[in-house]
Amino acid sequence: MKLIAIDRDDNSVYQVIVNRYDLVSLLMERFPNNYSSELNCLEEIMDMEPEDVDAIIIGELHNQDFQDSIDYKIKLLGEIEEVA
């Protein structure tokens, strides 16, 4: 699964690459009350704004236990220019 994330602190744009099933499992484990099913969780992920991907998904990926961690990659794509 490839997701786009935006860090508004420095206007960086990232591509997050992670296995969708691993990500769904991680989010359902961390936030069991937020998702009614794996399908619901996946739909929520697909509807996330880039800022939410940065705040929620990248945060959870960085905070995983090393013992049960899932593989992911984050690639810097560039920066957004501010429009006056």
C-alpha atoms as a PDB file:
ATOM      1  CA  MET A   1       0.000   0.000   0.000  1.00  0.00           C
ATOM      2  CA  LYS A   2       1.342   3.410  -0.925  1.00  0.00           C
ATOM      3  CA  LEU A   3       0.099   6.443   0.980  1.00  0.00           C
ATOM      4  CA  ILE A   4       0.986  10.124   0.763  1.00  0.00           C
ATOM      5  CA  ALA A   5       1.811  12.045   3.926  1.00  0.00           C
ATOM      6  CA  ILE A   6       2.362  15.757   4.464  1.00  0.00           C
ATOM      7  CA  ASP A   7       4.228  17.215   7.419  1.00  0.00           C
ATOM      8  CA  ARG A   8       2.827  20.744   7.739  1.00  0.00           C
ATOM      9  CA  ASP A   9       5.631  21.779  10.119  1.00  0.00           C
ATOM     10  CA  ASP A  10       8.144  21.840   7.265  1.00  0.00           C
ATOM     11  CA  ASN A  11       5.840  21.263   4.229  1.00  0.00           C
ATOM     12  CA  SER A  12       7.547  17.942   3.432  1.00  0.00           C
ATOM     13  CA  VAL A  13       5.714  15.383   1.299  1.00  0.00           C
ATOM     14  CA  TYR A  14       6.369  11.688   1.874  1.00  0.00           C
ATOM     15  CA  GLN A  15       5.368   8.407   0.321  1.00  0.00           C
ATOM     16  CA  VAL A  16       4.675   5.702   2.896  1.00  0.00           C
ATOM     17  CA  ILE A  17       4.974   2.106   1.673  1.00  0.00           C
ATOM     18  CA  VAL A  18       3.600  -0.595   3.962  1.00  0.00           C
ATOM     19  CA  ASN A  19       1.804  -3.917   3.653  1.00  0.00           C
ATOM     20  CA  ARG A  20      -1.910  -3.134   3.906  1.00  0.00           C
ATOM     21  CA  TYR A  21      -2.741  -6.185   6.011  1.00  0.00           C
ATOM     22  CA  ASP A  22       0.066  -5.471   8.462  1.00  0.00           C
ATOM     23  CA  LEU A  23      -1.048  -1.849   8.748  1.00  0.00           C
ATOM     24  CA  VAL A  24      -4.701  -2.783   9.305  1.00  0.00           C
ATOM     25  CA  SER A  25      -3.667  -5.267  12.011  1.00  0.00           C
ATOM     26  CA  LEU A  26      -1.481  -2.660  13.713  1.00  0.00           C
ATOM     27  CA  LEU A  27      -4.185   0.023  13.722  1.00  0.00           C
ATOM     28  CA  MET A  28      -6.872  -2.387  14.920  1.00  0.00           C
ATOM     29  CA  GLU A  29      -4.586  -3.482  17.751  1.00  0.00           C
ATOM     30  CA  ARG A  30      -3.735   0.096  18.765  1.00  0.00           C
ATOM     31  CA  PHE A  31      -7.239   1.553  18.304  1.00  0.00           C
ATOM     32  CA  PRO A  32      -9.704  -1.332  18.853  1.00  0.00           C
ATOM     33  CA  ASN A  33     -12.656   0.975  19.554  1.00  0.00           C
ATOM     34  CA  ASN A  34     -12.214   3.008  16.358  1.00  0.00           C
ATOM     35  CA  TYR A  35     -12.805   0.279  13.778  1.00  0.00           C
ATOM     36  CA  SER A  36     -15.657  -2.213  13.535  1.00  0.00           C
ATOM     37  CA  SER A  37     -13.865  -4.545  11.110  1.00  0.00           C
ATOM     38  CA  GLU A  38     -10.762  -4.927   8.969  1.00  0.00           C
ATOM     39  CA  LEU A  39     -12.721  -3.658   5.974  1.00  0.00           C
ATOM     40  CA  ASN A  40     -13.843  -0.595   7.927  1.00  0.00           C
ATOM     41  CA  CYS A  41     -10.250   0.080   8.973  1.00  0.00           C
ATOM     42  CA  LEU A  42      -9.011  -0.237   5.394  1.00  0.00           C
ATOM     43  CA  GLU A  43     -11.734   2.127   4.161  1.00  0.00           C
ATOM     44  CA  GLU A  44     -10.756   4.666   6.837  1.00  0.00           C
ATOM     45  CA  ILE A  45      -7.105   4.448   5.766  1.00  0.00           C
ATOM     46  CA  MET A  46      -8.019   5.003   2.112  1.00  0.00           C
ATOM     47  CA  ASP A  47     -10.087   8.084   3.068  1.00  0.00           C
ATOM     48  CA  MET A  48      -7.360   9.672   5.205  1.00  0.00           C
ATOM     49  CA  GLU A  49      -6.020  13.085   4.322  1.00  0.00           C
ATOM     50  CA  PRO A  50      -2.214  13.277   3.917  1.00  0.00           C
ATOM     51  CA  GLU A  51      -1.972  15.154   7.226  1.00  0.00           C
ATOM     52  CA  ASP A  52      -3.740  12.273   8.990  1.00  0.00           C
ATOM     53  CA  VAL A  53      -1.413   9.741   7.376  1.00  0.00           C
ATOM     54  CA  ASP A  54       1.490  11.743   8.798  1.00  0.00           C
ATOM     55  CA  ALA A  55      -0.007  12.168  12.248  1.00  0.00           C
ATOM     56  CA  ILE A  56      -1.543   8.731  12.772  1.00  0.00           C
ATOM     57  CA  ILE A  57       0.071   6.138  10.532  1.00  0.00           C
ATOM     58  CA  ILE A  58       3.668   7.357  10.553  1.00  0.00           C
ATOM     59  CA  GLY A  59       3.394   7.936  14.292  1.00  0.00           C
ATOM     60  CA  GLU A  60       2.184   4.388  14.893  1.00  0.00           C
ATOM     61  CA  LEU A  61       4.800   2.895  12.572  1.00  0.00           C
ATOM     62  CA  HIS A  62       7.571   4.754  14.427  1.00  0.00           C
ATOM     63  CA  ASN A  63       6.193   3.675  17.826  1.00  0.00           C
ATOM     64  CA  GLN A  64       5.975  -0.064  17.129  1.00  0.00           C
ATOM     65  CA  ASP A  65       7.518  -2.620  19.418  1.00  0.00           C
ATOM     66  CA  PHE A  66      10.660  -3.914  17.714  1.00  0.00           C
ATOM     67  CA  GLN A  67       9.679  -7.448  18.644  1.00  0.00           C
ATOM     68  CA  ASP A  68       6.512  -7.462  16.513  1.00  0.00           C
ATOM     69  CA  SER A  69       7.388  -4.642  14.129  1.00  0.00           C
ATOM     70  CA  ILE A  70       6.181  -4.522  10.549  1.00  0.00           C
ATOM     71  CA  ASP A  71       8.333  -3.418   7.647  1.00  0.00           C
ATOM     72  CA  TYR A  72       7.686  -0.063   6.035  1.00  0.00           C
ATOM     73  CA  LYS A  73       9.501   2.534   3.969  1.00  0.00           C
ATOM     74  CA  ILE A  74       9.164   6.289   3.946  1.00  0.00           C
ATOM     75  CA  LYS A  75      10.479   8.218   0.966  1.00  0.00           C
ATOM     76  CA  LEU A  76      10.816  11.981   0.892  1.00  0.00           C
ATOM     77  CA  LEU A  77       9.174  13.203  -2.300  1.00  0.00           C
ATOM     78  CA  GLY A  78       9.837  16.909  -1.839  1.00  0.00           C
ATOM     79  CA  GLU A  79       8.337  20.032  -0.331  1.00  0.00           C
ATOM     80  CA  ILE A  80       5.176  21.982  -0.985  1.00  0.00           C
ATOM     81  CA  GLU A  81       5.688  25.623  -1.816  1.00  0.00           C
ATOM     82  CA  GLU A  82       3.469  28.031   0.065  1.00  0.00           C
ATOM     83  CA  VAL A  83       1.209  30.054  -2.174  1.00  0.00           C
ATOM     84  CA  ALA A  84       0.766  33.678  -1.161  1.00  0.00           C
END
